[in-house]
Amino acid sequence: NWDMKIDLCEEPAVPTLQAAQVGA
């Protein structure tokens, strides 16, 4: 997300299923 804080371990914003659907 666009919160000002950067998490120590951010996960990708696009879930695995959605990424697969867009050819990623």
mmCIF file of all heavy atoms, coordinates in Angstrom:
data_MODEL
# 
_entry.id   MODEL 
# 
loop_
_atom_site.group_PDB 
_atom_site.id 
_atom_site.type_symbol 
_atom_site.label_atom_id 
_atom_site.label_alt_id 
_atom_site.label_comp_id 
_atom_site.label_asym_id 
_atom_site.label_entity_id 
_atom_site.label_seq_id 
_atom_site.pdbx_PDB_ins_code 
_atom_site.Cartn_x 
_atom_site.Cartn_y 
_atom_site.Cartn_z 
_atom_site.occupancy 
_atom_site.B_iso_or_equiv 
_atom_site.pdbx_formal_charge 
_atom_site.auth_seq_id 
_atom_site.auth_comp_id 
_atom_site.auth_asym_id 
_atom_site.auth_atom_id 
_atom_site.pdbx_PDB_model_num 
ATOM 1   N N   . ASN A 1 1  ? 0.856  -1.186  0.000   1.00 0.00 ? 1  ASN A N   1 
ATOM 2   C CA  . ASN A 1 1  ? 0.000  0.000   0.000   1.00 0.00 ? 1  ASN A CA  1 
ATOM 3   C C   . ASN A 1 1  ? 0.894  1.238   0.000   1.00 0.00 ? 1  ASN A C   1 
ATOM 4   O O   . ASN A 1 1  ? 2.120  1.133   -0.023  1.00 0.00 ? 1  ASN A O   1 
ATOM 5   C CB  . ASN A 1 1  ? -0.927 0.002   1.216   1.00 0.00 ? 1  ASN A CB  1 
ATOM 6   C CG  . ASN A 1 1  ? -0.160 -0.126  2.532   1.00 0.00 ? 1  ASN A CG  1 
ATOM 7   O OD1 . ASN A 1 1  ? 0.773  0.628   2.793   1.00 0.00 ? 1  ASN A OD1 1 
ATOM 8   N ND2 . ASN A 1 1  ? -0.539 -1.123  3.350   1.00 0.00 ? 1  ASN A ND2 1 
ATOM 9   N N   . TRP A 1 2  ? 0.249  2.409   0.059   1.00 0.00 ? 2  TRP A N   1 
ATOM 10  C CA  . TRP A 1 2  ? 0.987  3.666   0.014   1.00 0.00 ? 2  TRP A CA  1 
ATOM 11  C C   . TRP A 1 2  ? 1.091  4.340   1.376   1.00 0.00 ? 2  TRP A C   1 
ATOM 12  O O   . TRP A 1 2  ? 1.315  5.551   1.464   1.00 0.00 ? 2  TRP A O   1 
ATOM 13  C CB  . TRP A 1 2  ? 0.348  4.621   -1.002  1.00 0.00 ? 2  TRP A CB  1 
ATOM 14  C CG  . TRP A 1 2  ? 0.609  4.166   -2.408  1.00 0.00 ? 2  TRP A CG  1 
ATOM 15  C CD1 . TRP A 1 2  ? -0.267 3.573   -3.251  1.00 0.00 ? 2  TRP A CD1 1 
ATOM 16  C CD2 . TRP A 1 2  ? 1.859  4.261   -3.108  1.00 0.00 ? 2  TRP A CD2 1 
ATOM 17  N NE1 . TRP A 1 2  ? 0.347  3.269   -4.450  1.00 0.00 ? 2  TRP A NE1 1 
ATOM 18  C CE2 . TRP A 1 2  ? 1.654  3.683   -4.386  1.00 0.00 ? 2  TRP A CE2 1 
ATOM 19  C CE3 . TRP A 1 2  ? 3.121  4.750   -2.786  1.00 0.00 ? 2  TRP A CE3 1 
ATOM 20  C CZ2 . TRP A 1 2  ? 2.659  3.600   -5.333  1.00 0.00 ? 2  TRP A CZ2 1 
ATOM 21  C CZ3 . TRP A 1 2  ? 4.129  4.666   -3.735  1.00 0.00 ? 2  TRP A CZ3 1 
ATOM 22  C CH2 . TRP A 1 2  ? 3.900  4.107   -4.980  1.00 0.00 ? 2  TRP A CH2 1 
ATOM 23  N N   . ASP A 1 3  ? 0.974  3.559   2.444   1.00 0.00 ? 3  ASP A N   1 
ATOM 24  C CA  . ASP A 1 3  ? 1.260  4.099   3.763   1.00 0.00 ? 3  ASP A CA  1 
ATOM 25  C C   . ASP A 1 3  ? 2.708  4.586   3.802   1.00 0.00 ? 3  ASP A C   1 
ATOM 26  O O   . ASP A 1 3  ? 3.566  4.064   3.088   1.00 0.00 ? 3  ASP A O   1 
ATOM 27  C CB  . ASP A 1 3  ? 1.074  3.031   4.845   1.00 0.00 ? 3  ASP A CB  1 
ATOM 28  C CG  . ASP A 1 3  ? -0.398 2.642   4.997   1.00 0.00 ? 3  ASP A CG  1 
ATOM 29  O OD1 . ASP A 1 3  ? -1.245 3.374   4.449   1.00 0.00 ? 3  ASP A OD1 1 
ATOM 30  O OD2 . ASP A 1 3  ? -0.671 1.606   5.632   1.00 0.00 ? 3  ASP A OD2 1 
ATOM 31  N N   . MET A 1 4  ? 2.973  5.553   4.644   1.00 0.00 ? 4  MET A N   1 
ATOM 32  C CA  . MET A 1 4  ? 4.331  6.106   4.706   1.00 0.00 ? 4  MET A CA  1 
ATOM 33  C C   . MET A 1 4  ? 5.336  5.099   5.245   1.00 0.00 ? 4  MET A C   1 
ATOM 34  O O   . MET A 1 4  ? 6.503  5.123   4.898   1.00 0.00 ? 4  MET A O   1 
ATOM 35  C CB  . MET A 1 4  ? 4.336  7.383   5.548   1.00 0.00 ? 4  MET A CB  1 
ATOM 36  C CG  . MET A 1 4  ? 3.766  8.585   4.816   1.00 0.00 ? 4  MET A CG  1 
ATOM 37  S SD  . MET A 1 4  ? 3.842  10.088  5.789   1.00 0.00 ? 4  MET A SD  1 
ATOM 38  C CE  . MET A 1 4  ? 2.422  9.864   6.853   1.00 0.00 ? 4  MET A CE  1 
ATOM 39  N N   . LYS A 1 5  ? 4.871  4.183   6.086   1.00 0.00 ? 5  LYS A N   1 
ATOM 40  C CA  . LYS A 1 5  ? 5.767  3.197   6.678   1.00 0.00 ? 5  LYS A CA  1 
ATOM 41  C C   . LYS A 1 5  ? 6.132  2.119   5.669   1.00 0.00 ? 5  LYS A C   1 
ATOM 42  O O   . LYS A 1 5  ? 5.300  1.634   4.930   1.00 0.00 ? 5  LYS A O   1 
ATOM 43  C CB  . LYS A 1 5  ? 5.093  2.561   7.898   1.00 0.00 ? 5  LYS A CB  1 
ATOM 44  C CG  . LYS A 1 5  ? 5.934  1.482   8.579   1.00 0.00 ? 5  LYS A CG  1 
ATOM 45  C CD  . LYS A 1 5  ? 5.151  0.835   9.718   1.00 0.00 ? 5  LYS A CD  1 
ATOM 46  C CE  . LYS A 1 5  ? 5.943  -0.299  10.339  1.00 0.00 ? 5  LYS A CE  1 
ATOM 47  N NZ  . LYS A 1 5  ? 5.175  -0.983  11.392  1.00 0.00 ? 5  LYS A NZ  1 
ATOM 48  N N   . ILE A 1 6  ? 7.395  1.723   5.677   1.00 0.00 ? 6  ILE A N   1 
ATOM 49  C CA  . ILE A 1 6  ? 7.844  0.583   4.880   1.00 0.00 ? 6  ILE A CA  1 
ATOM 50  C C   . ILE A 1 6  ? 8.008  -0.593  5.828   1.00 0.00 ? 6  ILE A C   1 
ATOM 51  O O   . ILE A 1 6  ? 8.831  -0.563  6.740   1.00 0.00 ? 6  ILE A O   1 
ATOM 52  C CB  . ILE A 1 6  ? 9.163  0.877   4.166   1.00 0.00 ? 6  ILE A CB  1 
ATOM 53  C CG1 . ILE A 1 6  ? 8.950  1.986   3.165   1.00 0.00 ? 6  ILE A CG1 1 
ATOM 54  C CG2 . ILE A 1 6  ? 9.724  -0.369  3.528   1.00 0.00 ? 6  ILE A CG2 1 
ATOM 55  C CD1 . ILE A 1 6  ? 9.846  1.993   1.983   1.00 0.00 ? 6  ILE A CD1 1 
ATOM 56  N N   . ASP A 1 7  ? 7.205  -1.635  5.606   1.00 0.00 ? 7  ASP A N   1 
ATOM 57  C CA  . ASP A 1 7  ? 7.292  -2.806  6.473   1.00 0.00 ? 7  ASP A CA  1 
ATOM 58  C C   . ASP A 1 7  ? 8.653  -3.464  6.328   1.00 0.00 ? 7  ASP A C   1 
ATOM 59  O O   . ASP A 1 7  ? 9.310  -3.370  5.288   1.00 0.00 ? 7  ASP A O   1 
ATOM 60  C CB  . ASP A 1 7  ? 6.202  -3.816  6.118   1.00 0.00 ? 7  ASP A CB  1 
ATOM 61  C CG  . ASP A 1 7  ? 4.811  -3.286  6.462   1.00 0.00 ? 7  ASP A CG  1 
ATOM 62  O OD1 . ASP A 1 7  ? 4.732  -2.305  7.216   1.00 0.00 ? 7  ASP A OD1 1 
ATOM 63  O OD2 . ASP A 1 7  ? 3.834  -3.863  5.954   1.00 0.00 ? 7  ASP A OD2 1 
ATOM 64  N N   . LEU A 1 8  ? 9.043  -4.174  7.369   1.00 0.00 ? 8  LEU A N   1 
ATOM 65  C CA  . LEU A 1 8  ? 10.316 -4.879  7.310   1.00 0.00 ? 8  LEU A CA  1 
ATOM 66  C C   . LEU A 1 8  ? 10.307 -5.945  6.238   1.00 0.00 ? 8  LEU A C   1 
ATOM 67  O O   . LEU A 1 8  ? 11.332 -6.297  5.688   1.00 0.00 ? 8  LEU A O   1 
ATOM 68  C CB  . LEU A 1 8  ? 10.635 -5.510  8.677   1.00 0.00 ? 8  LEU A CB  1 
ATOM 69  C CG  . LEU A 1 8  ? 10.930 -4.509  9.806   1.00 0.00 ? 8  LEU A CG  1 
ATOM 70  C CD1 . LEU A 1 8  ? 11.141 -5.265  11.108  1.00 0.00 ? 8  LEU A CD1 1 
ATOM 71  C CD2 . LEU A 1 8  ? 12.152 -3.676  9.453   1.00 0.00 ? 8  LEU A CD2 1 
ATOM 72  N N   . CYS A 1 9  ? 9.131  -6.459  5.932   1.00 0.00 ? 9  CYS A N   1 
ATOM 73  C CA  . CYS A 1 9  ? 9.061  -7.553  4.963   1.00 0.00 ? 9  CYS A CA  1 
ATOM 74  C C   . CYS A 1 9  ? 7.730  -7.464  4.218   1.00 0.00 ? 9  CYS A C   1 
ATOM 75  O O   . CYS A 1 9  ? 6.793  -8.200  4.515   1.00 0.00 ? 9  CYS A O   1 
ATOM 76  C CB  . CYS A 1 9  ? 9.203  -8.893  5.671   1.00 0.00 ? 9  CYS A CB  1 
ATOM 77  S SG  . CYS A 1 9  ? 9.575  -10.267 4.579   1.00 0.00 ? 9  CYS A SG  1 
ATOM 78  N N   . GLU A 1 10 ? 7.646  -6.557  3.266   1.00 0.00 ? 10 GLU A N   1 
ATOM 79  C CA  . GLU A 1 10 ? 6.392  -6.385  2.539   1.00 0.00 ? 10 GLU A CA  1 
ATOM 80  C C   . GLU A 1 10 ? 6.206  -7.502  1.521   1.00 0.00 ? 10 GLU A C   1 
ATOM 81  O O   . GLU A 1 10 ? 7.147  -7.907  0.841   1.00 0.00 ? 10 GLU A O   1 
ATOM 82  C CB  . GLU A 1 10 ? 6.393  -5.035  1.811   1.00 0.00 ? 10 GLU A CB  1 
ATOM 83  C CG  . GLU A 1 10 ? 6.201  -3.856  2.732   1.00 0.00 ? 10 GLU A CG  1 
ATOM 84  C CD  . GLU A 1 10 ? 5.362  -2.772  2.073   1.00 0.00 ? 10 GLU A CD  1 
ATOM 85  O OE1 . GLU A 1 10 ? 4.605  -3.089  1.154   1.00 0.00 ? 10 GLU A OE1 1 
ATOM 86  O OE2 . GLU A 1 10 ? 5.470  -1.608  2.499   1.00 0.00 ? 10 GLU A OE2 1 
ATOM 87  N N   . GLU A 1 11 ? 4.990  -7.985  1.422   1.00 0.00 ? 11 GLU A N   1 
ATOM 88  C CA  . GLU A 1 11 ? 4.670  -8.960  0.397   1.00 0.00 ? 11 GLU A CA  1 
ATOM 89  C C   . GLU A 1 11 ? 4.213  -8.225  -0.852  1.00 0.00 ? 11 GLU A C   1 
ATOM 90  O O   . GLU A 1 11 ? 3.760  -7.088  -0.797  1.00 0.00 ? 11 GLU A O   1 
ATOM 91  C CB  . GLU A 1 11 ? 3.558  -9.896  0.891   1.00 0.00 ? 11 GLU A CB  1 
ATOM 92  C CG  . GLU A 1 11 ? 3.990  -10.742 2.081   1.00 0.00 ? 11 GLU A CG  1 
ATOM 93  C CD  . GLU A 1 11 ? 2.853  -11.620 2.578   1.00 0.00 ? 11 GLU A CD  1 
ATOM 94  O OE1 . GLU A 1 11 ? 1.755  -11.514 2.015   1.00 0.00 ? 11 GLU A OE1 1 
ATOM 95  O OE2 . GLU A 1 11 ? 3.080  -12.395 3.515   1.00 0.00 ? 11 GLU A OE2 1 
ATOM 96  N N   . PRO A 1 12 ? 4.308  -8.844  -2.040  1.00 0.00 ? 12 PRO A N   1 
ATOM 97  C CA  . PRO A 1 12 ? 3.858  -8.194  -3.261  1.00 0.00 ? 12 PRO A CA  1 
ATOM 98  C C   . PRO A 1 12 ? 2.391  -7.798  -3.168  1.00 0.00 ? 12 PRO A C   1 
ATOM 99  O O   . PRO A 1 12 ? 1.585  -8.462  -2.529  1.00 0.00 ? 12 PRO A O   1 
ATOM 100 C CB  . PRO A 1 12 ? 4.065  -9.273  -4.324  1.00 0.00 ? 12 PRO A CB  1 
ATOM 101 C CG  . PRO A 1 12 ? 5.118  -10.164 -3.763  1.00 0.00 ? 12 PRO A CG  1 
ATOM 102 C CD  . PRO A 1 12 ? 4.887  -10.162 -2.279  1.00 0.00 ? 12 PRO A CD  1 
ATOM 103 N N   . ALA A 1 13 ? 2.065  -6.685  -3.841  1.00 0.00 ? 13 ALA A N   1 
ATOM 104 C CA  . ALA A 1 13 ? 0.695  -6.182  -3.792  1.00 0.00 ? 13 ALA A CA  1 
ATOM 105 C C   . ALA A 1 13 ? -0.257 -7.048  -4.596  1.00 0.00 ? 13 ALA A C   1 
ATOM 106 O O   . ALA A 1 13 ? -1.451 -7.049  -4.357  1.00 0.00 ? 13 ALA A O   1 
ATOM 107 C CB  . ALA A 1 13 ? 0.644  -4.752  -4.308  1.00 0.00 ? 13 ALA A CB  1 
ATOM 108 N N   . VAL A 1 14 ? 0.262  -7.798  -5.576  1.00 0.00 ? 14 VAL A N   1 
ATOM 109 C CA  . VAL A 1 14 ? -0.597 -8.596  -6.445  1.00 0.00 ? 14 VAL A CA  1 
ATOM 110 C C   . VAL A 1 14 ? -0.574 -10.048 -5.979  1.00 0.00 ? 14 VAL A C   1 
ATOM 111 O O   . VAL A 1 14 ? 0.475  -10.677 -5.972  1.00 0.00 ? 14 VAL A O   1 
ATOM 112 C CB  . VAL A 1 14 ? -0.123 -8.512  -7.914  1.00 0.00 ? 14 VAL A CB  1 
ATOM 113 C CG1 . VAL A 1 14 ? -1.048 -9.297  -8.812  1.00 0.00 ? 14 VAL A CG1 1 
ATOM 114 C CG2 . VAL A 1 14 ? -0.053 -7.059  -8.351  1.00 0.00 ? 14 VAL A CG2 1 
ATOM 115 N N   . PRO A 1 15 ? -1.694 -10.614 -5.581  1.00 0.00 ? 15 PRO A N   1 
ATOM 116 C CA  . PRO A 1 15 ? -1.720 -12.011 -5.149  1.00 0.00 ? 15 PRO A CA  1 
ATOM 117 C C   . PRO A 1 15 ? -1.298 -12.949 -6.267  1.00 0.00 ? 15 PRO A C   1 
ATOM 118 O O   . PRO A 1 15 ? -1.379 -12.617 -7.442  1.00 0.00 ? 15 PRO A O   1 
ATOM 119 C CB  . PRO A 1 15 ? -3.184 -12.228 -4.760  1.00 0.00 ? 15 PRO A CB  1 
ATOM 120 C CG  . PRO A 1 15 ? -3.752 -10.856 -4.527  1.00 0.00 ? 15 PRO A CG  1 
ATOM 121 C CD  . PRO A 1 15 ? -3.007 -9.956  -5.455  1.00 0.00 ? 15 PRO A CD  1 
ATOM 122 N N   . THR A 1 16 ? -0.888 -14.159 -5.876  1.00 0.00 ? 16 THR A N   1 
ATOM 123 C CA  . THR A 1 16 ? -0.398 -15.129 -6.846  1.00 0.00 ? 16 THR A CA  1 
ATOM 124 C C   . THR A 1 16 ? -1.421 -15.419 -7.935  1.00 0.00 ? 16 THR A C   1 
ATOM 125 O O   . THR A 1 16 ? -1.104 -15.432 -9.121  1.00 0.00 ? 16 THR A O   1 
ATOM 126 C CB  . THR A 1 16 ? -0.027 -16.451 -6.124  1.00 0.00 ? 16 THR A CB  1 
ATOM 127 O OG1 . THR A 1 16 ? 0.924  -16.162 -5.111  1.00 0.00 ? 16 THR A OG1 1 
ATOM 128 C CG2 . THR A 1 16 ? 0.529  -17.459 -7.112  1.00 0.00 ? 16 THR A CG2 1 
ATOM 129 N N   . LEU A 1 17 ? -2.687 -15.632 -7.566  1.00 0.00 ? 17 LEU A N   1 
ATOM 130 C CA  . LEU A 1 17 ? -3.707 -15.967 -8.548  1.00 0.00 ? 17 LEU A CA  1 
ATOM 131 C C   . LEU A 1 17 ? -3.903 -14.832 -9.533  1.00 0.00 ? 17 LEU A C   1 
ATOM 132 O O   . LEU A 1 17 ? -3.948 -15.034 -10.745 1.00 0.00 ? 17 LEU A O   1 
ATOM 133 C CB  . LEU A 1 17 ? -5.033 -16.288 -7.841  1.00 0.00 ? 17 LEU A CB  1 
ATOM 134 C CG  . LEU A 1 17 ? -6.221 -16.645 -8.777  1.00 0.00 ? 17 LEU A CG  1 
ATOM 135 C CD1 . LEU A 1 17 ? -5.862 -17.852 -9.631  1.00 0.00 ? 17 LEU A CD1 1 
ATOM 136 C CD2 . LEU A 1 17 ? -7.475 -16.905 -7.955  1.00 0.00 ? 17 LEU A CD2 1 
ATOM 137 N N   . GLN A 1 18 ? -3.993 -13.608 -9.013  1.00 0.00 ? 18 GLN A N   1 
ATOM 138 C CA  . GLN A 1 18 ? -4.191 -12.462 -9.901  1.00 0.00 ? 18 GLN A CA  1 
ATOM 139 C C   . GLN A 1 18 ? -2.995 -12.292 -10.824 1.00 0.00 ? 18 GLN A C   1 
ATOM 140 O O   . GLN A 1 18 ? -3.147 -12.005 -12.004 1.00 0.00 ? 18 GLN A O   1 
ATOM 141 C CB  . GLN A 1 18 ? -4.401 -11.188 -9.082  1.00 0.00 ? 18 GLN A CB  1 
ATOM 142 C CG  . GLN A 1 18 ? -4.688 -9.952  -9.955  1.00 0.00 ? 18 GLN A CG  1 
ATOM 143 C CD  . GLN A 1 18 ? -4.846 -8.703  -9.127  1.00 0.00 ? 18 GLN A CD  1 
ATOM 144 O OE1 . GLN A 1 18 ? -4.904 -8.757  -7.912  1.00 0.00 ? 18 GLN A OE1 1 
ATOM 145 N NE2 . GLN A 1 18 ? -4.915 -7.568  -9.799  1.00 0.00 ? 18 GLN A NE2 1 
ATOM 146 N N   . ALA A 1 19 ? -1.793 -12.486 -10.287 1.00 0.00 ? 19 ALA A N   1 
ATOM 147 C CA  . ALA A 1 19 ? -0.605 -12.352 -11.113 1.00 0.00 ? 19 ALA A CA  1 
ATOM 148 C C   . ALA A 1 19 ? -0.625 -13.359 -12.248 1.00 0.00 ? 19 ALA A C   1 
ATOM 149 O O   . ALA A 1 19 ? -0.282 -13.050 -13.385 1.00 0.00 ? 19 ALA A O   1 
ATOM 150 C CB  . ALA A 1 19 ? 0.652  -12.554 -10.262 1.00 0.00 ? 19 ALA A CB  1 
ATOM 151 N N   . ALA A 1 20 ? -1.057 -14.577 -11.943 1.00 0.00 ? 20 ALA A N   1 
ATOM 152 C CA  . ALA A 1 20 ? -1.141 -15.594 -12.986 1.00 0.00 ? 20 ALA A CA  1 
ATOM 153 C C   . ALA A 1 20 ? -2.147 -15.204 -14.056 1.00 0.00 ? 20 ALA A C   1 
ATOM 154 O O   . ALA A 1 20 ? -1.954 -15.439 -15.248 1.00 0.00 ? 20 ALA A O   1 
ATOM 155 C CB  . ALA A 1 20 ? -1.520 -16.935 -12.368 1.00 0.00 ? 20 ALA A CB  1 
ATOM 156 N N   . GLN A 1 21 ? -3.239 -14.565 -13.625 1.00 0.00 ? 21 GLN A N   1 
ATOM 157 C CA  . GLN A 1 21 ? -4.279 -14.185 -14.577 1.00 0.00 ? 21 GLN A CA  1 
ATOM 158 C C   . GLN A 1 21 ? -3.815 -13.105 -15.536 1.00 0.00 ? 21 GLN A C   1 
ATOM 159 O O   . GLN A 1 21 ? -4.307 -13.010 -16.654 1.00 0.00 ? 21 GLN A O   1 
ATOM 160 C CB  . GLN A 1 21 ? -5.526 -13.711 -13.813 1.00 0.00 ? 21 GLN A CB  1 
ATOM 161 C CG  . GLN A 1 21 ? -6.260 -14.836 -13.098 1.00 0.00 ? 21 GLN A CG  1 
ATOM 162 C CD  . GLN A 1 21 ? -7.359 -14.322 -12.187 1.00 0.00 ? 21 GLN A CD  1 
ATOM 163 O OE1 . GLN A 1 21 ? -7.370 -13.153 -11.822 1.00 0.00 ? 21 GLN A OE1 1 
ATOM 164 N NE2 . GLN A 1 21 ? -8.283 -15.200 -11.832 1.00 0.00 ? 21 GLN A NE2 1 
ATOM 165 N N   . VAL A 1 22 ? -2.863 -12.274 -15.122 1.00 0.00 ? 22 VAL A N   1 
ATOM 166 C CA  . VAL A 1 22 ? -2.384 -11.228 -16.018 1.00 0.00 ? 22 VAL A CA  1 
ATOM 167 C C   . VAL A 1 22 ? -1.080 -11.644 -16.691 1.00 0.00 ? 22 VAL A C   1 
ATOM 168 O O   . VAL A 1 22 ? -0.363 -10.833 -17.265 1.00 0.00 ? 22 VAL A O   1 
ATOM 169 C CB  . VAL A 1 22 ? -2.168 -9.895  -15.254 1.00 0.00 ? 22 VAL A CB  1 
ATOM 170 C CG1 . VAL A 1 22 ? -3.475 -9.391  -14.711 1.00 0.00 ? 22 VAL A CG1 1 
ATOM 171 C CG2 . VAL A 1 22 ? -1.122 -10.034 -14.148 1.00 0.00 ? 22 VAL A CG2 1 
ATOM 172 N N   . GLY A 1 23 ? -0.758 -12.924 -16.636 1.00 0.00 ? 23 GLY A N   1 
ATOM 173 C CA  . GLY A 1 23 ? 0.420  -13.419 -17.327 1.00 0.00 ? 23 GLY A CA  1 
ATOM 174 C C   . GLY A 1 23 ? 1.708  -13.104 -16.617 1.00 0.00 ? 23 GLY A C   1 
ATOM 175 O O   . GLY A 1 23 ? 2.760  -13.046 -17.222 1.00 0.00 ? 23 GLY A O   1 
ATOM 176 N N   . ALA A 1 24 ? 1.642  -12.873 -15.305 1.00 0.00 ? 24 ALA A N   1 
ATOM 177 C CA  . ALA A 1 24 ? 2.833  -12.549 -14.540 1.00 0.00 ? 24 ALA A CA  1 
ATOM 178 C C   . ALA A 1 24 ? 3.192  -13.713 -13.638 1.00 0.00 ? 24 ALA A C   1 
ATOM 179 O O   . ALA A 1 24 ? 2.422  -14.643 -13.461 1.00 0.00 ? 24 ALA A O   1 
ATOM 180 C CB  . ALA A 1 24 ? 2.590  -11.294 -13.699 1.00 0.00 ? 24 ALA A CB  1 
# 
